[in-house]
Amino acid sequence: MHTATDTSIEATGFAGPARHYALSEPLLGNDHVIVWIQEAFGRQSAEAVIVPARPDGSAITMTKLPGSYIHPDATREGALWLAGYEVKETP
């Protein structure tokens, strides 16, 4: 499985708590992504969203990438796992 390393770069301005990740292998041509969790359909579900990012932590576009999903217990790690990545902490 590929890895997604949390870069500890602050990602702000998203609909929920966001993290920036560097990927060991590109996801649809993207070496970096931002992942956040937001409420979906009221308080009954949450949505984990993955979007392409620049190395500085800013989003390239808000187009969702594979791995984004809706579930009551959605997590950033779960979204990255669905996209084929295991999360690694910053060394």
N, C-alpha and C. Protein backbone atom coordinates (compact mmCIF):
# COMPACT_ATOMS: atom_id res chain seq x y z
N MET A 1 0.85 -1.18 0.00
CA MET A 1 0.00 0.00 0.00
C MET A 1 0.89 1.24 0.00
N HIS A 2 0.48 2.27 -0.72
CA HIS A 2 1.20 3.54 -0.75
C HIS A 2 1.03 4.26 0.58
N THR A 3 1.83 5.30 0.81
CA THR A 3 1.73 6.03 2.06
C THR A 3 1.35 7.49 1.83
N ALA A 4 0.68 8.04 2.83
CA ALA A 4 0.32 9.46 2.88
C ALA A 4 0.91 9.99 4.18
N THR A 5 1.86 10.92 4.07
CA THR A 5 2.54 11.45 5.25
C THR A 5 1.95 12.80 5.63
N ASP A 6 1.49 12.89 6.88
CA ASP A 6 0.97 14.15 7.41
C ASP A 6 2.13 15.13 7.48
N THR A 7 2.02 16.24 6.76
CA THR A 7 3.13 17.19 6.69
C THR A 7 3.14 18.20 7.83
N SER A 8 2.10 18.23 8.63
CA SER A 8 1.95 19.21 9.72
C SER A 8 1.80 20.64 9.22
N ILE A 9 1.58 20.82 7.91
CA ILE A 9 1.30 22.15 7.37
C ILE A 9 -0.15 22.48 7.68
N GLU A 10 -0.39 23.64 8.26
CA GLU A 10 -1.74 24.04 8.63
C GLU A 10 -2.57 24.30 7.37
N ALA A 11 -3.66 23.58 7.23
CA ALA A 11 -4.59 23.76 6.11
C ALA A 11 -5.83 24.44 6.66
N THR A 12 -6.08 25.68 6.23
CA THR A 12 -7.20 26.45 6.77
C THR A 12 -8.18 26.82 5.67
N GLY A 13 -9.38 27.24 6.09
CA GLY A 13 -10.39 27.71 5.15
C GLY A 13 -11.28 26.62 4.59
N PHE A 14 -11.30 25.46 5.22
CA PHE A 14 -12.13 24.36 4.73
C PHE A 14 -13.36 24.19 5.61
N ALA A 15 -14.30 23.38 5.17
CA ALA A 15 -15.58 23.22 5.86
C ALA A 15 -15.47 22.41 7.15
N GLY A 16 -14.29 21.92 7.45
CA GLY A 16 -14.05 21.16 8.67
C GLY A 16 -12.57 21.05 8.92
N PRO A 17 -12.17 20.39 9.99
CA PRO A 17 -10.75 20.24 10.30
C PRO A 17 -10.01 19.55 9.14
N ALA A 18 -8.94 20.18 8.67
CA ALA A 18 -8.24 19.70 7.48
C ALA A 18 -6.77 19.42 7.78
N ARG A 19 -6.22 18.44 7.06
CA ARG A 19 -4.81 18.09 7.15
C ARG A 19 -4.23 18.01 5.74
N HIS A 20 -2.95 18.32 5.63
CA HIS A 20 -2.21 18.27 4.37
C HIS A 20 -1.32 17.03 4.38
N TYR A 21 -1.31 16.28 3.29
CA TYR A 21 -0.52 15.05 3.19
C TYR A 21 0.33 15.05 1.93
N ALA A 22 1.55 14.52 2.06
CA ALA A 22 2.42 14.24 0.92
C ALA A 22 2.26 12.76 0.60
N LEU A 23 2.06 12.44 -0.66
CA LEU A 23 1.81 11.05 -1.07
C LEU A 23 3.07 10.40 -1.63
N SER A 24 3.26 9.11 -1.33
CA SER A 24 4.42 8.38 -1.84
C SER A 24 4.29 8.13 -3.34
N GLU A 25 3.08 7.99 -3.81
CA GLU A 25 2.76 7.82 -5.24
C GLU A 25 1.61 8.76 -5.56
N PRO A 26 1.62 9.39 -6.73
CA PRO A 26 0.55 10.35 -7.05
C PRO A 26 -0.84 9.72 -7.08
N LEU A 27 -1.82 10.51 -6.68
CA LEU A 27 -3.23 10.15 -6.79
C LEU A 27 -3.80 10.99 -7.93
N LEU A 28 -4.06 10.35 -9.05
CA LEU A 28 -4.52 11.04 -10.27
C LEU A 28 -3.60 12.23 -10.60
N GLY A 29 -2.28 12.01 -10.49
CA GLY A 29 -1.30 13.03 -10.85
C GLY A 29 -0.98 14.02 -9.75
N ASN A 30 -1.52 13.84 -8.56
CA ASN A 30 -1.31 14.77 -7.45
C ASN A 30 -0.40 14.15 -6.39
N ASP A 31 0.71 14.84 -6.08
CA ASP A 31 1.66 14.37 -5.07
C ASP A 31 1.26 14.81 -3.65
N HIS A 32 0.36 15.80 -3.56
CA HIS A 32 -0.10 16.32 -2.27
C HIS A 32 -1.61 16.42 -2.29
N VAL A 33 -2.23 16.20 -1.12
CA VAL A 33 -3.68 16.33 -1.00
C VAL A 33 -4.02 16.98 0.34
N ILE A 34 -5.22 17.52 0.41
CA ILE A 34 -5.80 17.99 1.67
C ILE A 34 -7.03 17.14 1.91
N VAL A 35 -7.19 16.71 3.17
CA VAL A 35 -8.34 15.89 3.54
C VAL A 35 -9.01 16.54 4.74
N TRP A 36 -10.34 16.67 4.67
CA TRP A 36 -11.08 17.21 5.81
C TRP A 36 -12.38 16.45 6.00
N ILE A 37 -12.95 16.65 7.20
CA ILE A 37 -14.23 16.04 7.56
C ILE A 37 -15.25 17.16 7.74
N GLN A 38 -16.43 16.99 7.16
CA GLN A 38 -17.50 17.98 7.30
C GLN A 38 -18.82 17.27 7.52
N GLU A 39 -19.77 17.98 8.11
CA GLU A 39 -21.11 17.41 8.27
C GLU A 39 -21.73 17.22 6.89
N ALA A 40 -22.47 16.13 6.76
CA ALA A 40 -23.18 15.85 5.51
C ALA A 40 -24.61 15.47 5.88
N PHE A 41 -25.58 16.07 5.23
CA PHE A 41 -26.98 15.73 5.46
C PHE A 41 -27.35 15.92 6.93
N GLY A 42 -27.03 17.06 7.47
CA GLY A 42 -27.32 17.33 8.87
C GLY A 42 -26.32 16.64 9.76
N ARG A 43 -26.74 16.29 10.94
CA ARG A 43 -25.82 15.68 11.91
C ARG A 43 -25.83 14.16 11.86
N GLN A 44 -26.50 13.58 10.87
CA GLN A 44 -26.58 12.12 10.80
C GLN A 44 -25.38 11.49 10.11
N SER A 45 -24.65 12.24 9.32
CA SER A 45 -23.51 11.70 8.59
C SER A 45 -22.38 12.71 8.53
N ALA A 46 -21.20 12.21 8.22
CA ALA A 46 -20.04 13.05 7.99
C ALA A 46 -19.47 12.69 6.63
N GLU A 47 -18.79 13.64 6.02
CA GLU A 47 -18.16 13.40 4.74
C GLU A 47 -16.68 13.67 4.86
N ALA A 48 -15.87 12.71 4.41
CA ALA A 48 -14.43 12.90 4.31
C ALA A 48 -14.14 13.29 2.87
N VAL A 49 -13.47 14.42 2.69
CA VAL A 49 -13.22 14.96 1.36
C VAL A 49 -11.71 15.03 1.11
N ILE A 50 -11.28 14.52 -0.05
CA ILE A 50 -9.88 14.61 -0.48
C ILE A 50 -9.85 15.49 -1.72
N VAL A 51 -8.97 16.52 -1.70
CA VAL A 51 -8.79 17.39 -2.88
C VAL A 51 -7.30 17.54 -3.17
N PRO A 52 -6.95 17.85 -4.43
CA PRO A 52 -5.55 18.07 -4.79
C PRO A 52 -4.99 19.30 -4.09
N ALA A 53 -3.70 19.24 -3.73
CA ALA A 53 -3.07 20.36 -3.04
C ALA A 53 -1.67 20.63 -3.59
N ARG A 54 -1.19 21.82 -3.28
CA ARG A 54 0.19 22.20 -3.58
C ARG A 54 1.07 21.83 -2.39
N PRO A 55 2.38 21.79 -2.58
CA PRO A 55 3.28 21.49 -1.45
C PRO A 55 3.17 22.48 -0.29
N ASP A 56 2.69 23.70 -0.55
CA ASP A 56 2.58 24.70 0.51
C ASP A 56 1.31 24.55 1.35
N GLY A 57 0.46 23.59 1.00
CA GLY A 57 -0.75 23.34 1.77
C GLY A 57 -2.00 24.00 1.23
N SER A 58 -1.91 24.68 0.11
CA SER A 58 -3.11 25.30 -0.48
C SER A 58 -3.74 24.33 -1.48
N ALA A 59 -5.05 24.40 -1.61
CA ALA A 59 -5.78 23.53 -2.53
C ALA A 59 -5.59 24.01 -3.97
N ILE A 60 -5.47 23.06 -4.88
CA ILE A 60 -5.39 23.39 -6.31
C ILE A 60 -6.79 23.59 -6.86
N THR A 61 -7.69 22.70 -6.48
CA THR A 61 -9.09 22.74 -6.89
C THR A 61 -9.92 22.07 -5.80
N MET A 62 -11.19 22.31 -5.80
CA MET A 62 -12.06 21.69 -4.81
C MET A 62 -12.75 20.44 -5.37
N THR A 63 -12.26 19.94 -6.49
CA THR A 63 -12.79 18.72 -7.09
C THR A 63 -12.40 17.53 -6.23
N LYS A 64 -13.39 16.75 -5.80
CA LYS A 64 -13.13 15.60 -4.94
C LYS A 64 -12.36 14.52 -5.69
N LEU A 65 -11.41 13.93 -4.98
CA LEU A 65 -10.63 12.82 -5.53
C LEU A 65 -11.17 11.49 -5.01
N PRO A 66 -10.79 10.38 -5.65
CA PRO A 66 -11.20 9.07 -5.16
C PRO A 66 -10.79 8.89 -3.70
N GLY A 67 -11.66 8.23 -2.94
CA GLY A 67 -11.44 8.03 -1.51
C GLY A 67 -12.40 8.87 -0.70
N SER A 68 -12.87 9.98 -1.26
CA SER A 68 -13.86 10.80 -0.57
C SER A 68 -15.11 9.95 -0.35
N TYR A 69 -15.70 10.07 0.85
CA TYR A 69 -16.87 9.23 1.13
C TYR A 69 -17.74 9.84 2.24
N ILE A 70 -18.97 9.35 2.32
CA ILE A 70 -19.92 9.79 3.36
C ILE A 70 -20.24 8.59 4.24
N HIS A 71 -20.13 8.81 5.56
CA HIS A 71 -20.44 7.76 6.55
C HIS A 71 -20.53 8.44 7.91
N PRO A 72 -21.37 7.95 8.80
CA PRO A 72 -21.47 8.60 10.12
C PRO A 72 -20.14 8.70 10.86
N ASP A 73 -19.24 7.76 10.63
CA ASP A 73 -17.95 7.75 11.31
C ASP A 73 -16.79 8.02 10.36
N ALA A 74 -16.99 8.86 9.35
CA ALA A 74 -15.95 9.14 8.35
C ALA A 74 -14.71 9.73 9.02
N THR A 75 -13.53 9.30 8.53
CA THR A 75 -12.26 9.80 9.03
C THR A 75 -11.34 10.15 7.87
N ARG A 76 -10.35 11.00 8.14
CA ARG A 76 -9.34 11.31 7.12
C ARG A 76 -8.56 10.05 6.76
N GLU A 77 -8.20 9.28 7.77
CA GLU A 77 -7.45 8.04 7.54
C GLU A 77 -8.24 7.06 6.69
N GLY A 78 -9.55 6.98 6.95
CA GLY A 78 -10.41 6.09 6.17
C GLY A 78 -10.50 6.50 4.71
N ALA A 79 -10.59 7.80 4.47
CA ALA A 79 -10.64 8.29 3.09
C ALA A 79 -9.34 7.96 2.35
N LEU A 80 -8.22 8.19 3.01
CA LEU A 80 -6.94 7.89 2.37
C LEU A 80 -6.78 6.38 2.15
N TRP A 81 -7.25 5.58 3.10
CA TRP A 81 -7.20 4.13 2.93
C TRP A 81 -8.03 3.70 1.72
N LEU A 82 -9.23 4.28 1.57
CA LEU A 82 -10.06 3.96 0.40
C LEU A 82 -9.37 4.35 -0.90
N ALA A 83 -8.54 5.39 -0.85
CA ALA A 83 -7.80 5.83 -2.04
C ALA A 83 -6.54 5.01 -2.27
N GLY A 84 -6.20 4.12 -1.30
CA GLY A 84 -5.04 3.24 -1.47
C GLY A 84 -3.80 3.67 -0.72
N TYR A 85 -3.97 4.48 0.35
CA TYR A 85 -2.83 5.00 1.10
C TYR A 85 -2.95 4.69 2.58
N GLU A 86 -1.80 4.40 3.20
CA GLU A 86 -1.72 4.24 4.64
C GLU A 86 -1.12 5.53 5.21
N VAL A 87 -1.72 6.06 6.27
CA VAL A 87 -1.27 7.33 6.83
C VAL A 87 -0.02 7.11 7.68
N LYS A 88 0.99 7.97 7.45
CA LYS A 88 2.21 7.99 8.25
C LYS A 88 2.32 9.36 8.91
N GLU A 89 2.76 9.38 10.15
CA GLU A 89 2.98 10.64 10.85
C GLU A 89 4.28 11.26 10.37
N THR A 90 4.40 12.57 10.53
CA THR A 90 5.62 13.27 10.17
C THR A 90 6.77 12.74 11.02
N PRO A 91 7.89 12.37 10.38
CA PRO A 91 9.02 11.82 11.16
C PRO A 91 9.62 12.85 12.11
